[in-house]
């Protein structure tokens, strides 16, 4: 392991990393390129389902209702049930 990493000691006697081999640069480059290829192939091969407008409207209505009734616990008062009952 001394080939890739070189360790030394700080003035306080702690063991510290003083050198990393440039050979690891190629491993990091390969990992980055492999990630980009995997991500690109996933985006190309995955199904991009387009939602029906009624489905998106329902999701937006739920989000709007959640935002309208959000606040601090003190501002909400005693528990009156879930946000679904209030919308």
Protein backbone atom coordinates (compact mmCIF):
# COMPACT_ATOMS: atom_id res chain seq x y z
CA UNK A 1 0.00 0.00 0.00
CA UNK A 2 3.00 2.29 0.26
CA UNK A 3 3.03 2.55 -3.52
CA UNK A 4 -0.21 4.59 -3.68
CA UNK A 5 -0.13 6.43 -0.35
CA UNK A 6 2.70 7.97 1.65
CA UNK A 7 2.17 8.74 5.31
CA UNK A 8 4.08 11.09 7.57
CA UNK A 9 3.82 12.65 11.02
CA UNK A 10 2.64 16.14 11.91
CA UNK A 11 4.48 18.30 14.45
CA UNK A 12 1.94 17.08 17.03
CA UNK A 13 2.79 13.43 16.39
CA UNK A 14 -0.36 12.59 14.43
CA UNK A 15 -0.14 10.37 11.38
CA UNK A 16 -1.10 12.32 8.22
CA UNK A 17 -1.32 11.61 4.51
CA UNK A 18 1.51 13.38 2.68
CA UNK A 19 1.32 11.97 -0.87
CA UNK A 20 -1.17 10.24 -3.16
CA UNK A 21 0.12 8.53 -6.29
CA UNK A 22 -0.91 9.92 -9.68
CA UNK A 23 -1.76 6.35 -10.70
CA UNK A 24 -5.04 6.74 -8.82
CA UNK A 25 -6.03 9.55 -11.19
CA UNK A 26 -6.78 6.98 -13.89
CA UNK A 27 -8.99 4.99 -11.53
CA UNK A 28 -10.98 8.12 -10.69
CA UNK A 29 -11.22 9.06 -14.37
CA UNK A 30 -12.43 5.56 -15.26
CA UNK A 31 -15.04 5.65 -12.47
CA UNK A 32 -16.31 9.04 -13.67
CA UNK A 33 -16.59 7.94 -17.30
CA UNK A 34 -18.30 4.70 -16.24
CA UNK A 35 -20.83 6.71 -14.23
CA UNK A 36 -21.54 9.02 -17.18
CA UNK A 37 -22.04 6.08 -19.54
CA UNK A 38 -24.31 4.27 -17.07
CA UNK A 39 -26.36 7.41 -16.43
CA UNK A 40 -26.70 8.19 -20.13
CA UNK A 41 -27.78 4.65 -20.96
CA UNK A 42 -30.32 4.72 -18.12
CA UNK A 43 -31.80 7.99 -19.40
CA UNK A 44 -32.00 6.68 -22.96
CA UNK A 45 -33.36 3.24 -22.12
CA UNK A 46 -35.76 4.11 -19.30
CA UNK A 47 -39.39 4.69 -20.04
CA UNK A 48 -40.31 8.37 -20.00
CA UNK A 49 -43.99 8.20 -19.14
CA UNK A 50 -45.90 11.40 -19.78
CA UNK A 51 -48.59 12.03 -17.17
CA UNK A 52 -52.18 12.73 -18.10
CA UNK A 53 -53.21 16.37 -17.45
CA UNK A 54 -55.87 15.28 -14.93
CA UNK A 55 -53.21 13.43 -12.93
CA UNK A 56 -50.91 16.45 -12.81
CA UNK A 57 -53.80 18.71 -11.82
CA UNK A 58 -54.65 16.42 -8.90
CA UNK A 59 -51.00 16.34 -7.77
CA UNK A 60 -50.77 20.14 -7.95
CA UNK A 61 -53.99 20.50 -5.93
CA UNK A 62 -52.57 18.30 -3.16
CA UNK A 63 -49.31 20.28 -3.10
CA UNK A 64 -51.21 23.59 -2.97
CA UNK A 65 -53.32 22.35 -0.08
CA UNK A 66 -50.26 21.15 1.82
CA UNK A 67 -48.57 24.53 1.35
CA UNK A 68 -51.68 26.42 2.47
CA UNK A 69 -51.91 24.58 5.79
CA UNK A 70 -48.21 24.42 6.60
CA UNK A 71 -46.96 26.40 9.56
CA UNK A 72 -45.38 26.06 12.95
CA UNK A 73 -46.96 23.68 15.46
CA UNK A 74 -47.87 26.65 17.66
CA UNK A 75 -49.74 28.35 14.83
CA UNK A 76 -51.72 25.20 14.08
CA UNK A 77 -53.26 24.96 17.51
CA UNK A 78 -54.65 21.70 18.83
CA UNK A 79 -54.58 18.77 16.48
CA UNK A 80 -57.76 18.77 14.42
CA UNK A 81 -56.82 15.93 12.14
CA UNK A 82 -54.85 15.57 8.99
CA UNK A 83 -54.51 18.15 6.25
CA UNK A 84 -56.67 15.97 3.99
CA UNK A 85 -59.75 16.74 6.07
CA UNK A 86 -59.13 20.48 5.77
CA UNK A 87 -58.79 20.54 1.97
